[in-house]
PDB file of N, CA and C in Angstrom:
ATOM      1  N   MET A   1       0.779  -1.374  -0.030  1.00  0.00           N
ATOM      2  CA  MET A   1       0.306   0.131   0.146  1.00  0.00           C
ATOM      3  C   MET A   1       0.587   1.103   0.005  1.00  0.00           C
ATOM      4  N   ASN A   2       0.188   2.400  -0.833  1.00  0.00           N
ATOM      5  CA  ASN A   2       1.040   3.727  -0.705  1.00  0.00           C
ATOM      6  C   ASN A   2       1.207   4.145   0.651  1.00  0.00           C
ATOM      7  N   ALA A   3       2.551   4.433   1.105  1.00  0.00           N
ATOM      8  CA  ALA A   3       2.643   4.705   2.321  1.00  0.00           C
ATOM      9  C   ALA A   3       2.083   6.066   2.672  1.00  0.00           C
ATOM     10  N   GLU A   4       2.035   7.076   1.459  1.00  0.00           N
ATOM     11  CA  GLU A   4       1.659   8.315   1.799  1.00  0.00           C
ATOM     12  C   GLU A   4      -0.449   8.540   2.019  1.00  0.00           C
ATOM     13  N   ARG A   5      -0.594   7.761   0.997  1.00  0.00           N
ATOM     14  CA  ARG A   5      -2.125   7.623   0.785  1.00  0.00           C
ATOM     15  C   ARG A   5      -2.501   6.905   2.092  1.00  0.00           C
ATOM     16  N   HIS A   6      -1.993   6.025   2.601  1.00  0.00           N
ATOM     17  CA  HIS A   6      -2.469   5.678   3.920  1.00  0.00           C
ATOM     18  C   HIS A   6      -2.320   6.298   4.596  1.00  0.00           C
ATOM     19  N   SER A   7      -1.110   7.377   5.626  1.00  0.00           N
ATOM     20  CA  SER A   7      -1.803   8.125   5.919  1.00  0.00           C
ATOM     21  C   SER A   7      -2.210   9.175   5.592  1.00  0.00           C
ATOM     22  N   GLN A   8      -2.839   9.774   4.619  1.00  0.00           N
ATOM     23  CA  GLN A   8      -3.915  10.898   4.365  1.00  0.00           C
ATOM     24  C   GLN A   8      -5.033   9.987   5.034  1.00  0.00           C
ATOM     25  N   TRP A   9      -5.540   8.609   4.440  1.00  0.00           N
ATOM     26  CA  TRP A   9      -6.791   8.140   4.614  1.00  0.00           C
ATOM     27  C   TRP A   9      -6.651   7.838   5.906  1.00  0.00           C
ATOM     28  N   LEU A  10      -5.617   7.516   7.164  1.00  0.00           N
ATOM     29  CA  LEU A  10      -5.719   7.562   8.321  1.00  0.00           C
ATOM     30  C   LEU A  10      -6.026   8.782   9.487  1.00  0.00           C
ATOM     31  N   ARG A  11      -5.488   9.736   8.389  1.00  0.00           N
ATOM     32  CA  ARG A  11      -5.929  11.243   9.113  1.00  0.00           C
ATOM     33  C   ARG A  11      -7.130  11.057   9.338  1.00  0.00           C
ATOM     34  N   GLY A  12      -7.894  10.968   8.460  1.00  0.00           N
ATOM     35  CA  GLY A  12      -9.187  11.292   8.346  1.00  0.00           C
ATOM     36  C   GLY A  12      -9.949  10.302   9.269  1.00  0.00           C
ATOM     37  N   VAL A  13      -9.815   8.728   9.684  1.00  0.00           N
ATOM     38  CA  VAL A  13     -10.667   8.376  10.644  1.00  0.00           C
ATOM     39  C   VAL A  13      -9.851   7.967  11.873  1.00  0.00           C
ATOM     40  N   LEU A  14      -8.404   8.433  11.963  1.00  0.00           N
ATOM     41  CA  LEU A  14      -8.026   8.624  13.142  1.00  0.00           C
ATOM     42  C   LEU A  14      -8.568   8.731  14.395  1.00  0.00           C
ATOM     43  N   ASP A  15      -9.454   9.448  14.516  1.00  0.00           N
ATOM     44  CA  ASP A  15     -10.493   9.699  15.735  1.00  0.00           C
ATOM     45  C   ASP A  15     -11.509   8.754  16.158  1.00  0.00           C
ATOM     46  N   LEU A  16     -12.063   8.700  14.678  1.00  0.00           N
ATOM     47  CA  LEU A  16     -13.443   7.606  14.642  1.00  0.00           C
ATOM     48  C   LEU A  16     -12.629   6.222  15.083  1.00  0.00           C
ATOM     49  N   CYS A  17     -11.708   5.941  14.925  1.00  0.00           N
ATOM     50  CA  CYS A  17     -10.897   4.334  15.107  1.00  0.00           C
ATOM     51  C   CYS A  17     -10.724   4.642  16.765  1.00  0.00           C
ATOM     52  N   VAL A  18     -10.207   5.370  17.209  1.00  0.00           N
ATOM     53  CA  VAL A  18      -9.564   6.036  18.808  1.00  0.00           C
ATOM     54  C   VAL A  18     -11.123   6.024  19.364  1.00  0.00           C
ATOM     55  N   LEU A  19     -12.064   6.150  19.227  1.00  0.00           N
ATOM     56  CA  LEU A  19     -13.459   6.048  19.665  1.00  0.00           C
ATOM     57  C   LEU A  19     -14.080   4.918  19.549  1.00  0.00           C
ATOM     58  N   SER A  20     -13.913   4.262  18.522  1.00  0.00           N
ATOM     59  CA  SER A  20     -14.500   2.809  18.518  1.00  0.00           C
ATOM     60  C   SER A  20     -13.419   1.957  19.583  1.00  0.00           C
ATOM     61  N   LEU A  21     -12.353   2.117  19.659  1.00  0.00           N
ATOM     62  CA  LEU A  21     -11.679   1.333  20.751  1.00  0.00           C
ATOM     63  C   LEU A  21     -11.800   1.875  22.105  1.00  0.00           C
ATOM     64  N   LEU A  22     -12.335   2.777  22.525  1.00  0.00           N
ATOM     65  CA  LEU A  22     -13.075   3.308  23.749  1.00  0.00           C
ATOM     66  C   LEU A  22     -14.302   3.006  23.959  1.00  0.00           C
ATOM     67  N   ALA A  23     -14.834   2.853  22.813  1.00  0.00           N
ATOM     68  CA  ALA A  23     -16.561   2.025  23.246  1.00  0.00           C
ATOM     69  C   ALA A  23     -16.446   1.118  24.088  1.00  0.00           C
ATOM     70  N   ASP A  24     -15.062   0.195  23.725  1.00  0.00           N
ATOM     71  CA  ASP A  24     -15.251  -1.325  24.458  1.00  0.00           C
ATOM     72  C   ASP A  24     -14.643  -1.304  25.980  1.00  0.00           C
ATOM     73  N   GLY A  25     -14.151  -0.066  26.219  1.00  0.00           N
ATOM     74  CA  GLY A  25     -14.079   0.416  27.693  1.00  0.00           C
ATOM     75  C   GLY A  25     -12.637   1.104  27.618  1.00  0.00           C
ATOM     76  N   GLU A  26     -12.049   1.548  29.103  1.00  0.00           N
ATOM     77  CA  GLU A  26     -11.059   2.434  29.359  1.00  0.00           C
ATOM     78  C   GLU A  26     -10.119   1.956  28.855  1.00  0.00           C
ATOM     79  N   SER A  27      -9.095   2.391  28.171  1.00  0.00           N
ATOM     80  CA  SER A  27      -7.574   2.019  27.718  1.00  0.00           C
ATOM     81  C   SER A  27      -6.627   3.256  27.846  1.00  0.00           C
ATOM     82  N   TYR A  28      -5.250   3.199  27.613  1.00  0.00           N
ATOM     83  CA  TYR A  28      -4.002   4.172  28.084  1.00  0.00           C
ATOM     84  C   TYR A  28      -3.581   3.947  26.393  1.00  0.00           C
ATOM     85  N   GLY A  29      -2.800   5.020  25.918  1.00  0.00           N
ATOM     86  CA  GLY A  29      -1.916   5.209  24.965  1.00  0.00           C
ATOM     87  C   GLY A  29      -1.248   4.136  24.157  1.00  0.00           C
ATOM     88  N   TYR A  30      -0.342   3.590  24.920  1.00  0.00           N
ATOM     89  CA  TYR A  30       0.322   2.660  24.362  1.00  0.00           C
ATOM     90  C   TYR A  30      -0.808   1.196  23.615  1.00  0.00           C
ATOM     91  N   ARG A  31      -1.741   0.986  24.621  1.00  0.00           N
ATOM     92  CA  ARG A  31      -2.528  -0.105  24.200  1.00  0.00           C
ATOM     93  C   ARG A  31      -3.463   0.299  23.113  1.00  0.00           C
ATOM     94  N   LEU A  32      -3.407   1.360  23.092  1.00  0.00           N
ATOM     95  CA  LEU A  32      -4.748   2.212  21.833  1.00  0.00           C
ATOM     96  C   LEU A  32      -3.533   1.940  20.583  1.00  0.00           C
ATOM     97  N   ALA A  33      -2.392   2.124  20.644  1.00  0.00           N
ATOM     98  CA  ALA A  33      -1.796   1.920  19.863  1.00  0.00           C
ATOM     99  C   ALA A  33      -1.518   0.778  19.284  1.00  0.00           C
ATOM    100  N   GLN A  34      -1.540  -0.254  20.009  1.00  0.00           N
ATOM    101  CA  GLN A  34      -1.168  -2.019  19.444  1.00  0.00           C
ATOM    102  C   GLN A  34      -2.375  -2.035  19.403  1.00  0.00           C
ATOM    103  N   ALA A  35      -3.648  -1.698  20.008  1.00  0.00           N
ATOM    104  CA  ALA A  35      -4.684  -2.308  19.152  1.00  0.00           C
ATOM    105  C   ALA A  35      -5.451  -1.496  17.525  1.00  0.00           C
ATOM    106  N   LEU A  36      -4.588  -0.565  17.355  1.00  0.00           N
ATOM    107  CA  LEU A  36      -4.750   0.128  16.031  1.00  0.00           C
ATOM    108  C   LEU A  36      -4.096  -0.530  15.422  1.00  0.00           C
ATOM    109  N   GLU A  37      -2.445  -1.121  15.459  1.00  0.00           N
ATOM    110  CA  GLU A  37      -1.639  -1.786  14.558  1.00  0.00           C
ATOM    111  C   GLU A  37      -2.139  -3.200  14.584  1.00  0.00           C
ATOM    112  N   ALA A  38      -2.829  -3.906  15.656  1.00  0.00           N
ATOM    113  CA  ALA A  38      -3.251  -5.270  15.295  1.00  0.00           C
ATOM    114  C   ALA A  38      -4.659  -5.324  14.075  1.00  0.00           C
ATOM    115  N   ALA A  39      -5.213  -4.260  14.154  1.00  0.00           N
ATOM    116  CA  ALA A  39      -6.731  -4.083  13.527  1.00  0.00           C
ATOM    117  C   ALA A  39      -6.331  -3.749  11.751  1.00  0.00           C
ATOM    118  N   GLY A  40      -4.535  -3.325  11.725  1.00  0.00           N
ATOM    119  CA  GLY A  40      -4.199  -3.626  10.105  1.00  0.00           C
ATOM    120  C   GLY A  40      -3.996  -2.043  10.047  1.00  0.00           C
ATOM    121  N   LEU A  41      -3.903  -1.098  10.965  1.00  0.00           N
ATOM    122  CA  LEU A  41      -3.575   0.392  10.502  1.00  0.00           C
ATOM    123  C   LEU A  41      -2.587   0.540  10.558  1.00  0.00           C
ATOM    124  N   GLY A  42      -1.397  -0.222  10.843  1.00  0.00           N
ATOM    125  CA  GLY A  42       0.056   0.348  10.940  1.00  0.00           C
ATOM    126  C   GLY A  42       0.436   0.714  11.920  1.00  0.00           C
ATOM    127  N   THR A  43       1.510   1.133  12.349  1.00  0.00           N
ATOM    128  CA  THR A  43       2.143   1.732  13.513  1.00  0.00           C
ATOM    129  C   THR A  43       2.045   3.347  13.395  1.00  0.00           C
ATOM    130  N   ILE A  44       1.451   3.534  14.518  1.00  0.00           N
ATOM    131  CA  ILE A  44       0.808   4.808  14.904  1.00  0.00           C
ATOM    132  C   ILE A  44       1.425   5.359  16.138  1.00  0.00           C
ATOM    133  N   ARG A  45       2.350   6.138  15.332  1.00  0.00           N
ATOM    134  CA  ARG A  45       3.421   6.626  16.857  1.00  0.00           C
ATOM    135  C   ARG A  45       2.910   7.785  17.887  1.00  0.00           C
ATOM    136  N   GLY A  46       3.347   7.887  18.951  1.00  0.00           N
ATOM    137  CA  GLY A  46       2.697   8.702  19.508  1.00  0.00           C
ATOM    138  C   GLY A  46       2.581  10.475  19.304  1.00  0.00           C
ATOM    139  N   GLY A  47       3.491  10.791  18.669  1.00  0.00           N
ATOM    140  CA  GLY A  47       3.218  11.990  18.267  1.00  0.00           C
ATOM    141  C   GLY A  47       2.306  12.100  17.215  1.00  0.00           C
ATOM    142  N   THR A  48       1.514  11.206  17.060  1.00  0.00           N
ATOM    143  CA  THR A  48       0.318  11.127  16.132  1.00  0.00           C
ATOM    144  C   THR A  48      -0.660  10.821  16.933  1.00  0.00           C
ATOM    145  N   LEU A  49      -0.611   9.964  17.830  1.00  0.00           N
ATOM    146  CA  LEU A  49      -2.247   9.457  18.455  1.00  0.00           C
ATOM    147  C   LEU A  49      -2.068  10.505  19.869  1.00  0.00           C
ATOM    148  N   TYR A  50      -0.937  10.837  20.492  1.00  0.00           N
ATOM    149  CA  TYR A  50      -1.682  11.835  21.875  1.00  0.00           C
ATOM    150  C   TYR A  50      -2.087  13.109  21.394  1.00  0.00           C
ATOM    151  N   PRO A  51      -2.150  13.666  20.245  1.00  0.00           N
ATOM    152  CA  PRO A  51      -2.620  14.920  19.893  1.00  0.00           C
ATOM    153  C   PRO A  51      -4.296  14.642  19.443  1.00  0.00           C
ATOM    154  N   VAL A  52      -4.242  13.311  19.312  1.00  0.00           N
ATOM    155  CA  VAL A  52      -5.649  12.887  18.718  1.00  0.00           C
ATOM    156  C   VAL A  52      -6.382  12.967  19.990  1.00  0.00           C
ATOM    157  N   LEU A  53      -5.448  12.040  21.167  1.00  0.00           N
ATOM    158  CA  LEU A  53      -6.342  12.080  22.798  1.00  0.00           C
ATOM    159  C   LEU A  53      -6.577  13.468  23.035  1.00  0.00           C
ATOM    160  N   LEU A  54      -5.691  14.298  23.102  1.00  0.00           N
ATOM    161  CA  LEU A  54      -5.943  15.530  23.543  1.00  0.00           C
ATOM    162  C   LEU A  54      -7.133  16.336  23.226  1.00  0.00           C
ATOM    163  N   ARG A  55      -7.184  16.451  21.397  1.00  0.00           N
ATOM    164  CA  ARG A  55      -8.270  17.007  20.951  1.00  0.00           C
ATOM    165  C   ARG A  55      -9.656  16.416  21.342  1.00  0.00           C
ATOM    166  N   LEU A  56      -9.733  14.989  21.409  1.00  0.00           N
ATOM    167  CA  LEU A  56     -11.249  14.162  21.800  1.00  0.00           C
ATOM    168  C   LEU A  56     -11.628  14.610  23.090  1.00  0.00           C
ATOM    169  N   GLU A  57     -10.336  14.699  23.936  1.00  0.00           N
ATOM    170  CA  GLU A  57     -10.708  15.483  25.120  1.00  0.00           C
ATOM    171  C   GLU A  57     -11.268  16.806  25.509  1.00  0.00           C
ATOM    172  N   ARG A  58     -10.414  17.718  24.657  1.00  0.00           N
ATOM    173  CA  ARG A  58     -10.927  19.080  24.810  1.00  0.00           C
ATOM    174  C   ARG A  58     -12.020  19.128  23.999  1.00  0.00           C
ATOM    175  N   ASP A  59     -12.597  18.494  23.390  1.00  0.00           N
ATOM    176  CA  ASP A  59     -14.025  18.228  22.659  1.00  0.00           C
ATOM    177  C   ASP A  59     -14.973  17.451  23.579  1.00  0.00           C
ATOM    178  N   GLY A  60     -14.687  17.108  24.263  1.00  0.00           N
ATOM    179  CA  GLY A  60     -15.453  16.197  25.278  1.00  0.00           C
ATOM    180  C   GLY A  60     -15.958  15.011  25.181  1.00  0.00           C
ATOM    181  N   LEU A  61     -15.538  14.332  23.804  1.00  0.00           N
ATOM    182  CA  LEU A  61     -15.674  13.488  23.410  1.00  0.00           C
ATOM    183  C   LEU A  61     -14.917  11.969  24.339  1.00  0.00           C
ATOM    184  N   ILE A  62     -13.936  12.229  24.929  1.00  0.00           N
ATOM    185  CA  ILE A  62     -13.168  11.381  25.968  1.00  0.00           C
ATOM    186  C   ILE A  62     -12.944  12.185  27.224  1.00  0.00           C
ATOM    187  N   SER A  63     -12.846  11.375  28.369  1.00  0.00           N
ATOM    188  CA  SER A  63     -12.243  11.814  29.752  1.00  0.00           C
ATOM    189  C   SER A  63     -11.034  10.805  30.137  1.00  0.00           C
ATOM    190  N   SER A  64     -10.189  11.853  30.903  1.00  0.00           N
ATOM    191  CA  SER A  64      -9.167  10.814  31.180  1.00  0.00           C
ATOM    192  C   SER A  64      -8.761  10.899  32.904  1.00  0.00           C
ATOM    193  N   ARG A  65      -8.049  10.247  33.236  1.00  0.00           N
ATOM    194  CA  ARG A  65      -7.428  10.178  34.662  1.00  0.00           C
ATOM    195  C   ARG A  65      -6.146   9.110  34.612  1.00  0.00           C
ATOM    196  N   TRP A  66      -5.690   9.691  35.473  1.00  0.00           N
ATOM    197  CA  TRP A  66      -3.939   8.628  35.801  1.00  0.00           C
ATOM    198  C   TRP A  66      -4.170   7.395  36.858  1.00  0.00           C
ATOM    199  N   GLY A  67      -3.907   6.844  36.225  1.00  0.00           N
ATOM    200  CA  GLY A  67      -3.971   5.393  37.318  1.00  0.00           C
ATOM    201  C   GLY A  67      -2.408   4.830  37.551  1.00  0.00           C
ATOM    202  N   VAL A  68      -2.123   3.732  38.219  1.00  0.00           N
ATOM    203  CA  VAL A  68      -0.979   3.086  38.387  1.00  0.00           C
ATOM    204  C   VAL A  68      -1.094   1.913  37.491  1.00  0.00           C
ATOM    205  N   GLY A  69       0.002   1.959  36.677  1.00  0.00           N
ATOM    206  CA  GLY A  69       0.275   0.751  35.752  1.00  0.00           C
ATOM    207  C   GLY A  69       0.409  -0.373  36.416  1.00  0.00           C
ATOM    208  N   ASP A  70       0.514  -1.233  35.607  1.00  0.00           N
ATOM    209  CA  ASP A  70       1.188  -2.831  36.294  1.00  0.00           C
ATOM    210  C   ASP A  70       2.259  -2.848  36.696  1.00  0.00           C
ATOM    211  N   ALA A  71       3.134  -2.496  36.006  1.00  0.00           N
ATOM    212  CA  ALA A  71       4.157  -2.237  36.380  1.00  0.00           C
ATOM    213  C   ALA A  71       5.064  -0.623  35.573  1.00  0.00           C
ATOM    214  N   GLY A  72       5.538   0.094  36.679  1.00  0.00           N
ATOM    215  CA  GLY A  72       6.265   1.172  36.168  1.00  0.00           C
ATOM    216  C   GLY A  72       5.431   2.402  36.647  1.00  0.00           C
ATOM    217  N   PRO A  73       5.638   3.285  36.034  1.00  0.00           N
ATOM    218  CA  PRO A  73       5.019   4.885  36.284  1.00  0.00           C
ATOM    219  C   PRO A  73       3.705   4.660  35.855  1.00  0.00           C
ATOM    220  N   ALA A  74       2.959   5.570  36.386  1.00  0.00           N
ATOM    221  CA  ALA A  74       1.749   6.158  36.326  1.00  0.00           C
ATOM    222  C   ALA A  74       1.285   6.192  34.489  1.00  0.00           C
ATOM    223  N   ARG A  75      -0.043   5.642  34.365  1.00  0.00           N
ATOM    224  CA  ARG A  75      -0.450   6.095  32.899  1.00  0.00           C
ATOM    225  C   ARG A  75      -1.574   7.071  32.637  1.00  0.00           C
ATOM    226  N   LYS A  76      -2.120   7.404  31.895  1.00  0.00           N
ATOM    227  CA  LYS A  76      -3.192   7.926  31.395  1.00  0.00           C
ATOM    228  C   LYS A  76      -4.319   7.266  31.026  1.00  0.00           C
ATOM    229  N   TYR A  77      -5.365   7.064  31.729  1.00  0.00           N
ATOM    230  CA  TYR A  77      -6.032   6.109  30.949  1.00  0.00           C
ATOM    231  C   TYR A  77      -7.429   7.133  30.592  1.00  0.00           C
ATOM    232  N   TYR A  78      -7.872   6.405  29.254  1.00  0.00           N
ATOM    233  CA  TYR A  78      -9.101   7.127  28.760  1.00  0.00           C
ATOM    234  C   TYR A  78     -10.290   6.640  28.404  1.00  0.00           C
ATOM    235  N   ARG A  79     -11.493   6.886  28.657  1.00  0.00           N
ATOM    236  CA  ARG A  79     -12.482   6.167  28.411  1.00  0.00           C
ATOM    237  C   ARG A  79     -13.656   7.183  27.483  1.00  0.00           C
ATOM    238  N   SER A  80     -14.545   6.785  26.574  1.00  0.00           N
ATOM    239  CA  SER A  80     -15.451   7.532  26.229  1.00  0.00           C
ATOM    240  C   SER A  80     -16.354   8.296  27.092  1.00  0.00           C
ATOM    241  N   THR A  81     -17.022   9.270  26.565  1.00  0.00           N
ATOM    242  CA  THR A  81     -17.880   9.774  27.044  1.00  0.00           C
ATOM    243  C   THR A  81     -19.300   9.661  26.651  1.00  0.00           C
ATOM    244  N   PRO A  82     -20.464   9.943  26.971  1.00  0.00           N
ATOM    245  CA  PRO A  82     -21.749  10.156  26.311  1.00  0.00           C
ATOM    246  C   PRO A  82     -21.522  10.719  25.441  1.00  0.00           C
ATOM    247  N   LEU A  83     -21.081  11.858  25.166  1.00  0.00           N
ATOM    248  CA  LEU A  83     -21.090  12.575  23.949  1.00  0.00           C
ATOM    249  C   LEU A  83     -20.305  12.085  23.164  1.00  0.00           C
ATOM    250  N   GLY A  84     -19.471  11.450  23.702  1.00  0.00           N
ATOM    251  CA  GLY A  84     -17.997  10.571  22.295  1.00  0.00           C
ATOM    252  C   GLY A  84     -19.122   9.366  21.549  1.00  0.00           C
ATOM    253  N   GLU A  85     -19.957   8.546  22.666  1.00  0.00           N
ATOM    254  CA  GLU A  85     -20.591   7.674  22.057  1.00  0.00           C
ATOM    255  C   GLU A  85     -21.485   7.865  21.242  1.00  0.00           C
ATOM    256  N   GLY A  86     -22.421   8.875  21.547  1.00  0.00           N
ATOM    257  CA  GLY A  86     -23.019   9.648  20.284  1.00  0.00           C
ATOM    258  C   GLY A  86     -22.421   9.805  19.448  1.00  0.00           C
ATOM    259  N   GLU A  87     -21.184  10.437  18.944  1.00  0.00           N
ATOM    260  CA  GLU A  87     -20.437  10.852  18.118  1.00  0.00           C
ATOM    261  C   GLU A  87     -20.300   9.866  17.326  1.00  0.00           C
ATOM    262  N   LEU A  88     -19.594   8.559  17.819  1.00  0.00           N
ATOM    263  CA  LEU A  88     -19.284   7.267  17.392  1.00  0.00           C
ATOM    264  C   LEU A  88     -20.239   6.526  16.514  1.00  0.00           C
ATOM    265  N   ARG A  89     -21.843   7.047  17.271  1.00  0.00           N
ATOM    266  CA  ARG A  89     -22.971   6.118  16.321  1.00  0.00           C
ATOM    267  C   ARG A  89     -22.890   7.040  15.019  1.00  0.00           C
ATOM    268  N   ALA A  90     -22.948   8.508  15.588  1.00  0.00           N
ATOM    269  CA  ALA A  90     -23.529   9.445  14.610  1.00  0.00           C
ATOM    270  C   ALA A  90     -22.363   9.299  13.139  1.00  0.00           C
ATOM    271  N   ALA A  91     -21.245   8.903  13.733  1.00  0.00           N
ATOM    272  CA  ALA A  91     -19.979   9.003  12.844  1.00  0.00           C
ATOM    273  C   ALA A  91     -20.218   7.552  11.996  1.00  0.00           C
ATOM    274  N   ALA A  92     -20.137   6.464  12.531  1.00  0.00           N
ATOM    275  CA  ALA A  92     -20.398   5.457  11.799  1.00  0.00           C
ATOM    276  C   ALA A  92     -21.335   5.197  10.942  1.00  0.00           C
ATOM    277  N   ASP A  93     -22.358   5.819  11.407  1.00  0.00           N
ATOM    278  CA  ASP A  93     -23.668   6.061  10.093  1.00  0.00           C
ATOM    279  C   ASP A  93     -23.020   6.385   8.699  1.00  0.00           C
ATOM    280  N   GLU A  94     -22.286   7.749   9.263  1.00  0.00           N
ATOM    281  CA  GLU A  94     -22.053   8.749   8.017  1.00  0.00           C
ATOM    282  C   GLU A  94     -20.636   8.155   7.430  1.00  0.00           C
ATOM    283  N   TRP A  95     -20.083   7.414   8.155  1.00  0.00           N
ATOM    284  CA  TRP A  95     -18.696   6.687   7.531  1.00  0.00           C
ATOM    285  C   TRP A  95     -19.600   5.514   6.433  1.00  0.00           C
ATOM    286  N   SER A  96     -20.433   4.770   6.807  1.00  0.00           N
ATOM    287  CA  SER A  96     -20.833   3.853   6.387  1.00  0.00           C
ATOM    288  C   SER A  96     -21.466   4.099   4.630  1.00  0.00           C
ATOM    289  N   VAL A  97     -22.298   4.931   5.043  1.00  0.00           N
ATOM    290  CA  VAL A  97     -22.679   5.828   3.598  1.00  0.00           C
ATOM    291  C   VAL A  97     -21.516   5.984   2.675  1.00  0.00           C
ATOM    292  N   PHE A  98     -20.462   7.016   3.343  1.00  0.00           N
ATOM    293  CA  PHE A  98     -19.573   7.396   2.432  1.00  0.00           C
ATOM    294  C   PHE A  98     -18.688   5.993   1.877  1.00  0.00           C
ATOM    295  N   ALA A  99     -17.957   5.746   2.672  1.00  0.00           N
ATOM    296  CA  ALA A  99     -17.500   4.115   2.272  1.00  0.00           C
ATOM    297  C   ALA A  99     -18.294   3.706   1.128  1.00  0.00           C
ATOM    298  N   ALA A 100     -19.728   2.992   1.078  1.00  0.00           N
ATOM    299  CA  ALA A 100     -20.074   2.431   0.323  1.00  0.00           C
ATOM    300  C   ALA A 100     -20.157   3.648  -0.897  1.00  0.00           C
ATOM    301  N   ARG A 101     -20.226   4.635  -1.053  1.00  0.00           N
ATOM    302  CA  ARG A 101     -20.416   5.664  -2.393  1.00  0.00           C
ATOM    303  C   ARG A 101     -19.068   5.320  -2.706  1.00  0.00           C
ATOM    304  N   VAL A 102     -18.138   5.387  -2.100  1.00  0.00           N
ATOM    305  CA  VAL A 102     -16.792   5.350  -2.616  1.00  0.00           C
ATOM    306  C   VAL A 102     -16.203   4.150  -3.383  1.00  0.00           C
ATOM    307  N   GLY A 103     -16.759   3.313  -2.685  1.00  0.00           N
ATOM    308  CA  GLY A 103     -16.594   1.732  -2.801  1.00  0.00           C
ATOM    309  C   GLY A 103     -17.173   1.847  -4.604  1.00  0.00           C
ATOM    310  N   THR A 104     -18.591   2.048  -4.754  1.00  0.00           N
ATOM    311  CA  THR A 104     -19.216   1.842  -5.674  1.00  0.00           C
ATOM    312  C   THR A 104     -18.709   2.689  -6.846  1.00  0.00           C
ATOM    313  N   MET A 105     -17.463   3.871  -6.399  1.00  0.00           N
ATOM    314  CA  MET A 105     -17.024   4.356  -7.755  1.00  0.00           C
ATOM    315  C   MET A 105     -15.680   3.949  -8.215  1.00  0.00           C
ATOM    316  N   LEU A 106     -15.485   3.316  -6.952  1.00  0.00           N
ATOM    317  CA  LEU A 106     -14.092   2.214  -7.605  1.00  0.00           C
ATOM    318  C   LEU A 106     -14.472   0.792  -8.051  1.00  0.00           C
ATOM    319  N   GLU A 107     -15.665   0.678  -8.276  1.00  0.00           N
ATOM    320  CA  GLU A 107     -15.639  -0.933  -8.357  1.00  0.00           C
ATOM    321  C   GLU A 107     -15.359  -1.251 -10.096  1.00  0.00           C
ATOM    322  N   GLY A 108     -15.510   0.008 -10.584  1.00  0.00           N
ATOM    323  CA  GLY A 108     -15.007  -0.582 -12.383  1.00  0.00           C
ATOM    324  C   GLY A 108     -13.558  -0.653 -12.307  1.00  0.00           C
ATOM    325  N   VAL A 109     -12.954  -0.131 -11.679  1.00  0.00           N
ATOM    326  CA  VAL A 109     -11.451   0.079 -11.929  1.00  0.00           C
ATOM    327  C   VAL A 109     -10.570  -0.779 -10.832  1.00  0.00           C
ATOM    328  N   ARG A 110     -11.367  -1.441 -10.147  1.00  0.00           N
ATOM    329  CA  ARG A 110     -10.800  -2.603  -9.040  1.00  0.00           C
ATOM    330  C   ARG A 110     -10.195  -3.905 -10.153  1.00  0.00           C
ATOM    331  N   GLN A 111      -8.837  -3.942  -9.675  1.00  0.00           N
ATOM    332  CA  GLN A 111      -8.307  -5.692 -10.830  1.00  0.00           C
ATOM    333  C   GLN A 111      -8.207  -6.772  -9.876  1.00  0.00           C
TER     334      GLN A 111
END
């Protein structure tokens, strides 16, 4: 896959992907990055992920708390807020429509 194209697409949907992961429960940054990579989205560096988390928190879509980790220093844990859950549902519906339209346009050129 073209790395630059992938990066552009990811910038457009990373907020949605993070909200989706947090809908399953509270998590911290490194675990979120691992889950995104396991989902096939590639390596998401902290310089990309943490500004997304900060923006989502500033917008009231997630909240955070400091907690003791299993080992080592304290971690910042994130969880979805009711506003974030509503935004995720709305965005998921919009994404489905958008992705279907793009898929329809590209059907004739796939090899």
